[in-house]
Protein backbone atom coordinates (compact mmCIF):
# COMPACT_ATOMS: atom_id res chain seq x y z
CA UNK A 1 23.29 -2.42 14.55
CA UNK A 2 26.29 -1.06 14.83
CA UNK A 3 27.97 -2.68 12.19
CA UNK A 4 25.59 -0.43 9.67
CA UNK A 5 26.27 2.60 12.07
CA UNK A 6 30.36 1.76 11.19
CA UNK A 7 29.89 1.74 7.68
CA UNK A 8 31.01 4.80 4.75
CA UNK A 9 30.52 4.36 1.24
CA UNK A 10 33.89 3.40 0.76
CA UNK A 11 33.13 0.27 2.77
CA UNK A 12 30.36 -0.48 1.32
CA UNK A 13 30.99 -2.90 -1.33
CA UNK A 14 28.43 -2.06 -4.52
CA UNK A 15 28.21 -4.04 -7.65
CA UNK A 16 29.06 -2.60 -10.67
CA UNK A 17 25.91 -1.21 -12.26
CA UNK A 18 25.95 -1.76 -15.94
CA UNK A 19 22.37 -0.24 -17.00
CA UNK A 20 20.29 2.34 -15.86
CA UNK A 21 17.73 -0.42 -15.28
CA UNK A 22 20.15 -1.88 -12.80
CA UNK A 23 21.11 1.13 -11.08
CA UNK A 24 17.53 2.35 -10.62
CA UNK A 25 16.70 -1.20 -8.96
CA UNK A 26 19.86 -0.30 -6.84
CA UNK A 27 17.99 2.94 -5.59
CA UNK A 28 15.23 1.57 -5.16
CA UNK A 29 16.65 -1.20 -2.94
CA UNK A 30 18.42 1.55 -0.99
CA UNK A 31 14.92 3.71 -0.87
CA UNK A 32 13.65 0.83 0.64
CA UNK A 33 16.19 0.86 4.03
CA UNK A 34 16.07 3.92 4.05
CA UNK A 35 12.47 4.19 4.37
CA UNK A 36 12.79 1.41 7.24
CA UNK A 37 15.23 3.04 9.05
CA UNK A 38 13.39 6.46 8.99
CA UNK A 39 10.44 4.86 10.61
CA UNK A 40 12.60 3.37 13.21
CA UNK A 41 14.39 6.73 13.72
CA UNK A 42 10.80 8.45 13.84
CA UNK A 43 9.93 5.95 16.93
CA UNK A 44 12.87 6.13 18.80
CA UNK A 45 12.85 10.41 18.22
CA UNK A 46 9.36 9.76 19.76
CA UNK A 47 10.40 8.09 22.76
CA UNK A 48 12.98 11.17 23.47
CA UNK A 49 10.17 13.05 22.88
CA UNK A 50 8.19 11.61 25.58
CA UNK A 51 10.96 11.92 28.21
CA UNK A 52 12.04 15.17 27.62
CA UNK A 53 10.87 17.99 30.09
CA UNK A 54 9.56 20.17 26.66
CA UNK A 55 9.08 17.92 23.90
CA UNK A 56 7.77 19.06 20.28
CA UNK A 57 9.62 21.92 18.19
CA UNK A 58 9.78 23.82 21.57
CA UNK A 59 12.24 21.14 22.94
CA UNK A 60 14.63 21.17 19.85
CA UNK A 61 18.12 20.87 20.96
CA UNK A 62 20.43 22.96 18.20
CA UNK A 63 23.68 21.49 19.79
CA UNK A 64 22.72 18.11 19.44
CA UNK A 65 21.38 18.37 16.09
CA UNK A 66 24.91 19.92 15.24
CA UNK A 67 26.67 16.73 16.80
CA UNK A 68 24.38 14.54 14.64
CA UNK A 69 25.36 16.31 11.34
CA UNK A 70 28.61 16.70 12.37
CA UNK A 71 28.65 12.46 13.01
CA UNK A 72 27.23 11.82 9.81
CA UNK A 73 29.45 14.14 7.89
CA UNK A 74 32.23 11.93 9.21
CA UNK A 75 30.78 8.83 7.84
CA UNK A 76 29.44 10.60 4.26
CA UNK A 77 32.20 13.04 3.44
CA UNK A 78 30.87 13.59 -0.03
CA UNK A 79 27.96 15.17 1.24
CA UNK A 80 29.20 17.20 3.56
CA UNK A 81 28.07 19.24 7.25
CA UNK A 82 25.92 21.16 4.78
CA UNK A 83 23.89 19.04 2.80
CA UNK A 84 23.15 16.52 5.73
CA UNK A 85 21.86 19.78 7.85
CA UNK A 86 19.63 20.21 5.21
CA UNK A 87 18.53 16.51 5.29
CA UNK A 88 18.70 16.14 8.94
CA UNK A 89 16.54 19.14 9.79
CA UNK A 90 13.93 17.73 6.93
CA UNK A 91 14.00 14.03 8.69
CA UNK A 92 13.94 15.72 12.37
CA UNK A 93 11.01 17.96 11.75
CA UNK A 94 9.15 15.06 10.23
CA UNK A 95 9.68 13.10 13.27
CA UNK A 96 8.15 15.94 15.29
CA UNK A 97 5.52 16.30 13.51
CA UNK A 98 4.73 12.28 13.67
CA UNK A 99 5.25 12.87 17.78
CA UNK A 100 2.90 15.62 17.86
CA UNK A 101 0.66 14.21 15.66
CA UNK A 102 0.62 10.28 17.74
CA UNK A 103 0.22 12.53 21.39
CA UNK A 104 -2.85 14.42 19.38
CA UNK A 105 -1.40 18.08 19.28
CA UNK A 106 -3.22 19.95 16.93
């Protein structure tokens, strides 16, 4: 997994896309990979929630979230921290919802 973590868009050798169909197929492939990674992230974040003294939404750590966004912004500078913060807020909230659902919270 380290290779993926060290990859940036500039490192990725995307084949030339010559048609709308090829572009959409590439997006579908990326979206599939994102879905798998998001599910994996949610599972690991669920483990974090079980290990924290205060889990769930009450246990959010804004400083840790800023660190995550800053690290991601270094790998995806064209997105920038503001856009990545919005994306990661949605990802984190979805993960917290799943963790609460898994533990049977209302």
